[in-house]
Protein backbone atom coordinates (compact mmCIF):
# COMPACT_ATOMS: atom_id res chain seq x y z
CA MET A 1 -33.80 125.60 303.85
CA ALA A 2 -35.02 129.18 304.00
CA ARG A 3 -36.09 130.16 307.49
CA GLY A 4 -37.82 133.20 308.96
CA HIS A 5 -35.58 135.22 311.25
CA ALA A 6 -36.66 136.18 314.78
CA GLY A 7 -36.08 139.84 314.19
CA THR A 8 -38.14 140.06 311.00
CA GLY A 9 -40.89 137.53 311.63
CA GLY A 10 -40.36 136.23 308.05
CA ARG A 11 -41.92 132.94 306.98
CA VAL A 12 -40.29 129.70 305.97
CA THR A 13 -40.47 129.39 302.17
CA GLY A 14 -38.87 127.49 299.34
CA THR A 15 -39.38 124.24 297.49
CA ASP A 16 -36.30 122.58 299.01
CA ARG A 17 -37.84 122.27 302.48
CA PRO A 18 -36.81 118.96 304.13
CA GLY A 19 -39.34 116.20 304.67
CA PRO A 20 -40.80 115.30 308.10
CA GLY A 21 -37.99 112.88 308.96
CA ALA A 22 -35.25 115.39 308.15
CA LEU A 23 -37.09 118.10 310.08
CA ARG A 24 -37.25 115.89 313.15
CA ALA A 25 -33.50 115.28 312.90
CA LEU A 26 -32.79 119.02 312.58
CA ARG A 27 -35.02 119.79 315.56
CA ALA A 28 -33.12 117.25 317.66
CA LEU A 29 -29.81 119.04 316.93
CA ARG A 30 -30.88 122.60 317.77
CA ALA A 31 -32.00 124.11 321.06
CA LEU A 32 -35.67 123.65 321.90
CA ARG A 33 -37.66 126.71 320.84
CA VAL A 34 -40.24 128.16 323.22
CA LEU A 35 -42.73 130.99 322.61
CA VAL A 36 -44.08 132.74 325.75
CA SER A 37 -47.18 134.93 325.56
CA ASP A 38 -48.03 138.14 327.47
CA GLY A 39 -44.45 139.40 327.47
CA ASP A 40 -45.30 142.44 329.59
CA SER A 41 -46.33 140.30 332.57
CA ARG A 42 -44.07 139.37 335.46
CA THR A 43 -45.12 135.75 334.91
CA ALA A 44 -43.70 135.83 331.38
CA LEU A 45 -40.50 137.42 332.68
CA ALA A 46 -40.02 134.61 335.22
CA CYS A 47 -40.66 132.07 332.43
CA VAL A 48 -38.15 133.44 329.96
CA ARG A 49 -35.43 133.82 332.60
CA SER A 50 -35.95 130.22 333.64
CA LEU A 51 -35.96 128.86 330.09
CA VAL A 52 -32.94 130.83 328.91
CA ALA A 53 -31.00 129.50 331.91
CA ALA A 54 -32.14 125.98 330.95
CA GLY A 55 -30.60 126.34 327.49
CA ARG A 56 -33.80 126.96 325.49
CA GLU A 57 -34.17 129.45 322.65
CA VAL A 58 -36.94 131.76 323.81
CA TRP A 59 -39.28 134.28 322.18
CA ALA A 60 -41.50 136.67 324.17
CA MET A 61 -44.68 137.92 322.49
CA ALA A 62 -46.26 141.28 323.40
CA PRO A 63 -48.34 144.03 321.75
CA GLY A 64 -45.67 146.75 322.07
CA ARG A 65 -42.14 147.10 320.75
CA ARG A 66 -40.68 146.40 324.18
CA SER A 67 -41.87 144.26 327.04
CA LEU A 68 -40.52 143.12 330.40
CA ALA A 69 -39.78 139.64 329.07
CA GLY A 70 -38.71 140.88 325.63
CA VAL A 71 -35.83 142.99 326.99
CA SER A 72 -34.51 140.18 329.19
CA ARG A 73 -31.12 138.69 328.33
CA ARG A 74 -30.95 136.39 325.28
CA VAL A 75 -34.71 136.63 324.67
CA HIS A 76 -36.10 137.38 321.19
CA PRO A 77 -38.95 139.92 321.34
CA ILE A 78 -41.81 139.61 318.86
CA ARG A 79 -44.93 141.73 318.43
CA VAL A 80 -48.52 140.51 318.32
CA ALA A 81 -51.22 142.75 316.89
CA ALA A 82 -54.38 140.91 317.96
CA SER A 83 -55.71 140.91 321.52
CA ALA A 84 -56.45 137.57 323.16
CA LEU A 85 -59.24 139.25 325.14
CA GLU A 86 -60.88 141.35 322.41
CA ALA A 87 -60.29 139.10 319.37
CA PRO A 88 -59.55 135.51 320.49
CA LEU A 89 -59.77 133.97 317.01
CA ALA A 90 -57.49 136.57 315.39
CA TYR A 91 -55.06 136.18 318.28
CA ALA A 92 -54.94 132.39 317.89
CA GLU A 93 -54.43 132.72 314.13
CA GLU A 94 -51.55 135.15 314.64
CA VAL A 95 -49.90 132.95 317.26
CA ALA A 96 -50.26 129.93 314.97
CA ARG A 97 -48.56 131.81 312.11
CA THR A 98 -45.74 132.85 314.43
CA CYS A 99 -45.26 129.26 315.59
CA ARG A 100 -44.97 128.10 311.98
CA ASP A 101 -42.62 130.90 310.96
CA LEU A 102 -40.26 130.39 313.91
CA GLU A 103 -40.60 126.58 314.05
CA ILE A 104 -41.65 126.77 317.70
CA ASP A 105 -41.56 123.54 319.69
CA VAL A 106 -43.42 124.54 322.89
CA LEU A 107 -45.98 127.32 323.36
CA LEU A 108 -46.52 128.74 326.87
CA PRO A 109 -49.56 131.03 327.30
CA VAL A 110 -49.49 132.71 330.69
CA SER A 111 -52.72 134.73 331.03
CA ASP A 112 -56.31 133.55 331.35
CA ALA A 113 -57.26 135.26 328.09
CA ALA A 114 -54.36 133.74 326.14
CA VAL A 115 -55.01 130.27 327.56
CA ASP A 116 -58.72 130.54 326.76
CA ALA A 117 -58.12 131.72 323.18
CA LEU A 118 -55.48 129.11 322.36
CA LEU A 119 -57.38 126.20 323.90
CA LEU A 120 -60.57 127.20 322.09
CA HIS A 121 -58.71 127.36 318.77
CA ARG A 122 -56.07 124.72 319.45
CA HIS A 123 -56.73 123.14 316.05
CA LEU A 124 -55.12 126.15 314.35
CA LEU A 125 -51.68 125.44 315.86
CA PRO A 126 -49.12 123.45 313.85
CA PRO A 127 -49.26 119.74 314.85
CA ALA A 128 -45.62 119.78 316.01
CA VAL A 129 -46.23 122.55 318.59
CA ARG A 130 -46.73 121.30 322.15
CA LEU A 131 -49.20 123.24 324.25
CA PRO A 132 -48.74 121.91 327.83
CA LEU A 133 -52.29 122.56 328.98
CA PRO A 134 -55.28 120.34 329.75
CA PRO A 135 -58.06 120.05 327.14
CA SER A 136 -60.36 123.07 326.84
CA ALA A 137 -63.26 121.32 328.60
CA THR A 138 -61.02 120.45 331.57
CA PHE A 139 -59.61 123.97 331.79
CA ARG A 140 -63.08 125.52 331.66
CA ALA A 141 -64.30 123.13 334.37
CA GLY A 142 -61.37 124.16 336.59
CA SER A 143 -62.15 127.84 335.94
CA ASP A 144 -65.81 127.44 336.93
CA LYS A 145 -65.92 128.71 340.51
CA ILE A 146 -69.32 127.16 341.19
CA ARG A 147 -68.42 123.68 340.02
CA MET A 148 -65.07 123.79 341.82
CA LEU A 149 -66.70 124.41 345.21
CA GLU A 150 -68.31 120.96 345.12
CA LEU A 151 -65.14 119.24 343.88
CA ALA A 152 -63.01 121.03 346.49
CA HIS A 153 -65.35 119.94 349.29
CA ARG A 154 -65.15 116.32 348.11
CA ALA A 155 -61.35 116.56 347.99
CA GLY A 156 -61.18 117.58 351.65
CA PHE A 157 -61.13 121.40 351.63
CA ALA A 158 -63.41 123.57 353.70
CA VAL A 159 -65.55 125.83 351.51
CA PRO A 160 -67.24 129.18 352.28
CA ALA A 161 -71.01 129.43 352.73
CA SER A 162 -72.30 130.45 349.29
CA ALA A 163 -75.51 131.40 347.52
CA ARG A 164 -75.96 131.06 343.76
CA ILE A 165 -77.48 133.92 341.72
CA ASP A 166 -78.60 132.82 338.25
CA SER A 167 -79.73 136.22 336.96
CA ALA A 168 -80.22 139.80 338.10
CA ASP A 169 -83.97 139.18 338.29
CA ASP A 170 -83.54 136.24 340.67
CA ALA A 171 -81.00 137.87 342.99
CA GLU A 172 -83.17 139.27 345.80
CA ALA A 173 -83.49 136.14 347.94
CA ALA A 174 -79.74 135.53 347.96
CA ILE A 175 -78.97 139.20 348.62
CA ALA A 176 -81.46 139.48 351.48
CA GLY A 177 -80.25 136.26 353.10
CA ALA A 178 -76.50 136.99 352.97
CA THR A 179 -74.31 138.01 355.90
CA TYR A 180 -72.33 141.17 355.18
CA PRO A 181 -69.64 142.06 354.36
CA ALA A 182 -69.64 139.43 351.61
CA ILE A 183 -67.84 138.56 348.38
CA LEU A 184 -69.49 138.63 344.94
CA LYS A 185 -67.87 136.39 342.30
CA PRO A 186 -68.72 135.80 338.64
CA HIS A 187 -68.64 132.08 337.83
CA ARG A 188 -65.57 132.64 335.63
CA SER A 189 -62.84 135.29 335.57
CA VAL A 190 -62.95 135.56 331.76
CA VAL A 191 -66.31 135.26 329.98
CA THR A 192 -67.19 135.23 326.27
CA CYS A 193 -69.54 138.03 325.24
CA ALA A 194 -71.74 138.51 322.19
CA GLY A 195 -69.65 138.78 319.03
CA GLY A 196 -66.90 136.47 320.28
CA ALA A 197 -64.91 139.00 322.33
CA SER A 198 -63.98 138.13 325.90
CA ARG A 199 -64.21 140.20 329.06
CA LYS A 200 -62.28 139.93 332.31
CA LEU A 201 -64.38 140.19 335.46
CA ASP A 202 -63.23 140.90 339.00
CA VAL A 203 -64.28 139.69 342.43
CA GLU A 204 -66.01 142.45 344.43
CA PHE A 205 -66.30 143.22 348.16
CA VAL A 206 -69.91 144.11 348.99
CA PRO A 207 -70.29 145.68 352.46
CA ASP A 208 -74.09 145.72 352.47
CA SER A 209 -77.17 144.60 350.55
CA ALA A 210 -77.60 147.91 348.66
CA THR A 211 -74.05 147.75 347.32
CA CYS A 212 -74.60 144.12 346.39
CA ARG A 213 -77.77 144.90 344.41
CA ALA A 214 -75.98 147.63 342.47
CA ALA A 215 -73.02 145.35 341.74
CA VAL A 216 -75.28 142.55 340.48
CA ARG A 217 -77.17 144.93 338.18
CA ALA A 218 -73.91 146.29 336.75
CA LEU A 219 -72.65 142.88 335.59
CA PRO A 220 -73.21 141.68 332.00
CA PRO A 221 -75.48 138.66 331.39
CA GLU A 222 -72.42 136.52 330.59
CA ALA A 223 -71.18 136.89 334.18
CA PHE A 224 -74.05 134.78 335.53
CA PRO A 225 -74.39 132.59 337.48
CA LEU A 226 -72.74 134.42 340.37
CA LEU A 227 -71.57 133.32 343.80
CA LEU A 228 -72.39 135.43 346.85
CA GLN A 229 -70.04 134.13 349.54
CA GLU A 230 -69.30 134.79 353.17
CA ARG A 231 -66.06 136.62 353.78
CA ILE A 232 -63.37 134.41 355.33
CA TYR A 233 -61.07 136.25 357.71
CA GLY A 234 -57.47 135.10 357.69
CA GLY A 235 -54.29 134.95 355.65
CA ALA A 236 -54.10 133.82 352.04
CA GLU A 237 -52.00 130.85 350.94
CA GLY A 238 -51.44 129.19 347.60
CA LEU A 239 -50.46 125.63 346.79
CA PHE A 240 -48.99 125.02 343.34
CA GLU A 241 -48.60 121.71 341.55
CA LEU A 242 -47.32 120.42 338.23
CA ARG A 243 -48.92 117.15 337.14
CA TRP A 244 -47.92 115.09 334.14
CA ASN A 245 -49.02 111.67 332.92
CA GLY A 246 -51.40 111.39 335.88
CA ALA A 247 -48.77 111.96 338.58
CA PRO A 248 -47.48 114.98 340.54
CA VAL A 249 -44.07 116.21 339.38
CA ALA A 250 -43.50 119.25 341.60
CA THR A 251 -45.26 121.00 344.48
CA PHE A 252 -44.74 124.40 346.11
CA ALA A 253 -46.58 126.67 348.56
CA HIS A 254 -46.44 130.32 349.59
CA ARG A 255 -48.11 132.74 351.99
CA ARG A 256 -49.19 136.22 350.88
CA LEU A 257 -47.72 138.92 353.11
CA ARG A 258 -49.00 142.00 351.24
CA GLU A 259 -51.44 142.34 348.36
CA LYS A 260 -52.72 144.87 345.84
CA PRO A 261 -55.37 145.99 346.68
CA PRO A 262 -54.51 145.52 350.37
CA ALA A 263 -57.64 143.51 351.28
CA GLY A 264 -56.95 140.86 348.64
CA GLY A 265 -55.81 140.65 345.04
CA ILE A 266 -52.37 140.38 343.45
CA SER A 267 -49.63 139.32 345.85
CA VAL A 268 -46.82 141.89 345.94
CA TYR A 269 -44.81 140.43 348.84
CA ARG A 270 -44.89 136.74 349.65
CA GLU A 271 -42.98 133.95 351.39
CA SER A 272 -42.38 130.29 350.60
CA ILE A 273 -43.80 128.00 353.29
CA ALA A 274 -43.82 124.35 354.22
CA VAL A 275 -47.11 122.64 353.55
CA SER A 276 -48.89 119.85 355.40
CA ASP A 277 -49.33 116.39 353.91
CA ALA A 278 -53.11 116.78 354.32
CA LEU A 279 -53.19 119.92 352.16
CA VAL A 280 -51.00 118.31 349.49
CA ALA A 281 -53.31 115.29 349.48
CA ALA A 282 -56.42 117.47 349.13
CA THR A 283 -54.88 119.44 346.25
CA ASP A 284 -53.77 116.28 344.50
CA ALA A 285 -57.23 114.73 344.94
CA LEU A 286 -58.85 117.84 343.45
CA LEU A 287 -56.57 117.87 340.38
CA ARG A 288 -56.89 114.11 339.97
CA ALA A 289 -60.69 114.45 339.91
CA LEU A 290 -60.30 116.88 337.01
CA ASP A 291 -57.76 114.62 335.26
CA TRP A 292 -55.53 117.71 335.18
CA GLU A 293 -52.28 117.86 333.21
CA GLY A 294 -49.99 120.86 333.50
CA VAL A 295 -49.64 123.47 336.24
CA ALA A 296 -52.31 124.73 338.60
CA MET A 297 -52.63 126.93 341.66
CA VAL A 298 -55.11 126.26 344.46
CA GLU A 299 -55.84 129.48 346.35
CA CYS A 300 -57.01 129.22 349.97
CA LYS A 301 -57.75 131.36 352.98
CA VAL A 302 -56.63 130.08 356.36
CA ASP A 303 -59.70 130.69 358.53
CA ARG A 304 -58.58 132.62 361.61
CA ALA A 305 -61.35 131.08 363.71
CA THR A 306 -60.82 127.41 362.80
CA GLY A 307 -57.34 127.20 361.26
CA ARG A 308 -58.76 125.27 358.29
CA HIS A 309 -57.79 125.93 354.69
CA VAL A 310 -60.89 127.30 352.96
CA PHE A 311 -60.90 126.85 349.19
CA MET A 312 -61.22 130.06 347.16
CA GLU A 313 -60.50 129.09 343.54
CA LEU A 314 -58.31 127.16 341.12
CA ASN A 315 -56.07 128.94 338.61
CA GLY A 316 -55.07 126.57 335.81
CA ARG A 317 -52.09 128.49 334.46
CA LEU A 318 -48.71 129.85 335.49
CA TRP A 319 -49.19 132.42 338.25
CA GLY A 320 -48.03 135.94 339.09
CA SER A 321 -45.62 135.01 341.89
CA LEU A 322 -43.86 132.35 339.79
CA GLN A 323 -40.42 133.86 340.39
CA LEU A 324 -40.64 133.03 344.11
CA ALA A 325 -41.05 129.31 343.39
CA ILE A 326 -38.01 129.41 341.09
CA ASP A 327 -35.93 131.28 343.69
CA ALA A 328 -36.96 128.80 346.38
CA GLY A 329 -35.90 125.81 344.27
CA VAL A 330 -38.85 124.65 342.12
CA ASP A 331 -38.31 125.75 338.52
CA PHE A 332 -41.82 125.21 337.18
CA PRO A 333 -41.26 126.62 333.65
CA ALA A 334 -38.18 124.46 333.04
CA LEU A 335 -39.92 121.37 334.42
CA LEU A 336 -43.09 122.01 332.41
CA VAL A 337 -41.17 122.39 329.15
CA GLU A 338 -39.17 119.23 329.93
CA CYS A 339 -42.41 117.32 330.39
CA ALA A 340 -44.04 118.79 327.29
CA SER A 341 -41.02 118.17 325.08
CA GLY A 342 -40.55 114.58 326.20
CA ASP A 343 -37.11 115.24 327.71
CA ALA A 344 -38.30 113.68 330.99
CA ARG A 345 -39.86 110.31 330.20
CA THR A 346 -40.23 109.17 333.81
CA PRO A 347 -40.69 112.38 335.81
CA ARG A 348 -40.24 112.33 339.57
CA PRO A 349 -41.14 114.94 342.20
CA ALA A 350 -38.68 117.84 342.32
CA PRO A 351 -36.34 118.20 345.33
CA SER A 352 -37.66 119.92 348.42
CA TYR A 353 -37.71 123.71 348.20
CA ARG A 354 -36.53 126.21 350.80
CA ALA A 355 -39.15 127.65 353.15
CA GLY A 356 -38.73 131.25 354.31
CA VAL A 357 -37.62 132.69 350.96
CA ARG A 358 -39.38 135.98 350.24
CA SER A 359 -40.06 137.76 346.95
CA ARG A 360 -41.10 141.38 346.50
CA TRP A 361 -42.57 143.17 343.49
CA PHE A 362 -41.32 146.67 344.34
CA TRP A 363 -43.78 148.76 342.33
CA GLY A 364 -46.74 146.66 343.40
CA ASP A 365 -45.64 146.99 347.02
CA LEU A 366 -45.38 150.74 346.54
CA ASP A 367 -48.97 150.73 345.21
CA HIS A 368 -49.99 148.83 348.35
CA LEU A 369 -48.34 151.47 350.53
CA TYR A 370 -49.94 154.33 348.56
CA ALA A 371 -53.39 152.77 349.00
CA ARG A 372 -52.81 152.47 352.75
CA MET A 373 -51.79 156.14 352.93
CA ALA A 374 -54.53 157.53 350.67
CA ARG A 375 -57.59 155.58 351.81
CA THR A 376 -59.16 154.57 355.11
CA PRO A 377 -59.26 150.98 356.34
CA ALA A 378 -63.04 150.95 355.78
CA GLN A 379 -62.63 152.09 352.18
CA LEU A 380 -60.03 149.36 351.64
CA HIS A 381 -62.18 146.65 353.33
CA LEU A 382 -59.27 145.75 355.63
CA GLU A 383 -59.60 143.02 358.23
CA ALA A 384 -59.13 144.00 361.85
CA PRO A 385 -56.63 144.14 363.42
CA TYR A 386 -54.70 145.90 360.66
CA PRO A 387 -51.35 147.70 360.94
CA SER A 388 -51.34 151.48 361.35
CA ARG A 389 -50.18 153.76 358.55
CA LEU A 390 -46.87 154.26 360.36
CA ARG A 391 -46.46 150.49 360.68
CA ALA A 392 -47.19 150.13 356.95
CA VAL A 393 -44.39 152.61 356.15
CA VAL A 394 -41.93 150.83 358.47
CA ASP A 395 -42.79 147.44 356.97
CA PHE A 396 -42.30 148.79 353.44
CA LEU A 397 -38.87 150.23 354.27
CA ARG A 398 -37.64 147.20 356.22
CA VAL A 399 -36.21 144.87 353.57
CA PRO A 400 -33.88 142.10 354.80
CA PHE A 401 -31.72 141.64 351.68
CA SER A 402 -30.24 138.40 353.02
CA ARG A 403 -33.65 136.75 352.70
CA ASP A 404 -35.68 138.80 350.23
CA ARG A 405 -35.37 138.74 346.44
CA GLY A 406 -36.53 141.40 344.03
CA GLU A 407 -39.03 139.92 341.61
CA VAL A 408 -38.19 142.04 338.56
CA GLY A 409 -34.84 143.63 339.44
CA ARG A 410 -31.84 141.32 338.96
CA TRP A 411 -28.19 142.44 338.75
CA ASN A 412 -27.45 139.94 335.99
CA ASP A 413 -30.54 140.97 333.99
CA PRO A 414 -31.20 144.67 334.68
CA MET A 415 -33.15 145.72 331.58
CA PRO A 416 -36.65 144.59 332.74
CA ALA A 417 -36.32 146.64 335.93
CA LEU A 418 -35.07 149.66 333.98
CA LEU A 419 -38.01 149.41 331.59
CA GLU A 420 -40.54 149.01 334.41
CA GLY A 421 -39.03 151.93 336.35
CA ALA A 422 -38.98 154.20 333.29
CA ARG A 423 -42.63 153.46 332.58
CA ARG A 424 -43.55 154.31 336.14
CA LEU A 425 -41.43 157.42 336.68
CA MET A 426 -41.30 159.25 333.35
CA PRO A 427 -43.02 157.33 330.57
CA ASP A 428 -43.12 160.18 328.04
CA LEU A 429 -39.49 161.25 328.46
CA ALA A 430 -37.61 158.10 329.37
CA LEU A 431 -38.88 155.48 326.94
CA PRO A 432 -37.38 156.91 323.71
CA ALA A 433 -33.97 157.23 325.36
CA LEU A 434 -34.31 153.80 326.93
CA GLY A 435 -35.21 152.36 323.52
CA SER A 436 -31.93 153.70 322.13
CA LEU A 437 -30.07 152.11 325.05
CA PHE A 438 -31.74 148.74 324.39
CA ALA A 439 -30.75 148.93 320.71
CA ARG A 440 -27.12 149.64 321.61
CA LEU A 441 -26.96 146.81 324.13
CA ARG A 442 -28.53 144.31 321.74
CA ALA A 443 -25.92 145.26 319.13
CA LEU A 444 -23.12 144.15 321.46
CA PRO A 445 -21.45 140.80 320.61
CA LYS A 446 -23.23 137.84 322.18
CA ARG A 447 -21.40 135.46 324.49
CA SER A 448 -20.86 132.08 322.91
CA GLY A 449 -21.93 128.81 324.45
CA ALA A 450 -25.29 127.63 325.66
CA PRO A 451 -26.23 128.21 329.29
CA VAL A 452 -26.29 125.23 331.60
CA ALA A 453 -29.67 123.87 332.68
CA ARG A 454 -30.26 124.40 336.39
CA HIS A 455 -33.12 122.01 337.05
CA ARG A 456 -33.60 118.70 335.29
CA LEU A 457 -35.91 115.86 336.10
CA LYS A 458 -34.16 112.66 337.05
CA THR A 459 -34.84 109.59 334.99
């Protein structure tokens, strides 16, 4: 059988290709093959590290020649020309060709745009490829912030006071009646625009009605309807769950300690926490109402005044702080691939994870510190009481290595951290030299023997 090689992206050809039965037998003998999208994301890096350690053969797909996940140990990098956001159909077609050429078994998209594109064009994928995601209609329902407020309330979450804005022309009543500062949210994070391209939209802080009017007018028609919500003051927590065959397989929770931007956004420093049975039950009820299959993150704010968990949104994909869950003991990528591949026929909940484990994205935390130094608390929309600039510097420098883990930097897999640091510090000078170093290291003889799986579902 002629087979395309990972380094060339060649296609399988020839008239002597085995039949379906022989192909199934060959697949059973070799390591499971997994293709991970968005190779330059920290989520993809956590995925490939997990799957390589579990004995899978892993490819990381990214637009450039090198990506964080693509330079990780024993990972095959592969380039993708089309953009999932700008050309969803072309992206799905290219991913489908790659899956056929490399005989991929499981496909893991990790960004909203990639998930959207591949679910919308799922029919293009080879039938043998497993895509461990809910149907497109279910995913889109979970991504609809307006619909999810009602479902979250029924499941037992508190929800913020909200007003719906259906168009820019009908916004005045909601804007005039809101309490400021407030939060303005498009109904979905990724919307489809005219011509088929997609656009990513952000949540905005609006300190007053004039700012709100300007923000509403600046949004494209596809962003509507909008939610204008009260601002909830308190810390942010996330509860993560993997469901399969109608039952929960694994659960995890974390608390955000620092974010980028500082008032709320991407978590750059976070801690694993124990979670109450009531919150687990509410999350499970919400996902059960959606008939969800796969992974999901429920994002909440813990209201400082009442102590209740206030629902913010549902993210139906692998998340940015995934490495913390793996470090704490819940290996979501390995478990998800086990479920998708049929290796775990009777999955059970994963063992309890360790609370108090912390994970830090160094460069994101440095961005947080820079924002605190360069801008005022009012400009950053910080909640009072907030730490002083001096306190922010002290907190940044105080890193208890016995408890904290670096998210990207790992002694046994240093190349992603080197690539990220080179891009930050001297992108024009360092990357050519770093590329030569990567080529030399990849030319070194590979260690024989498959790695041992760390987390396996019991049967």
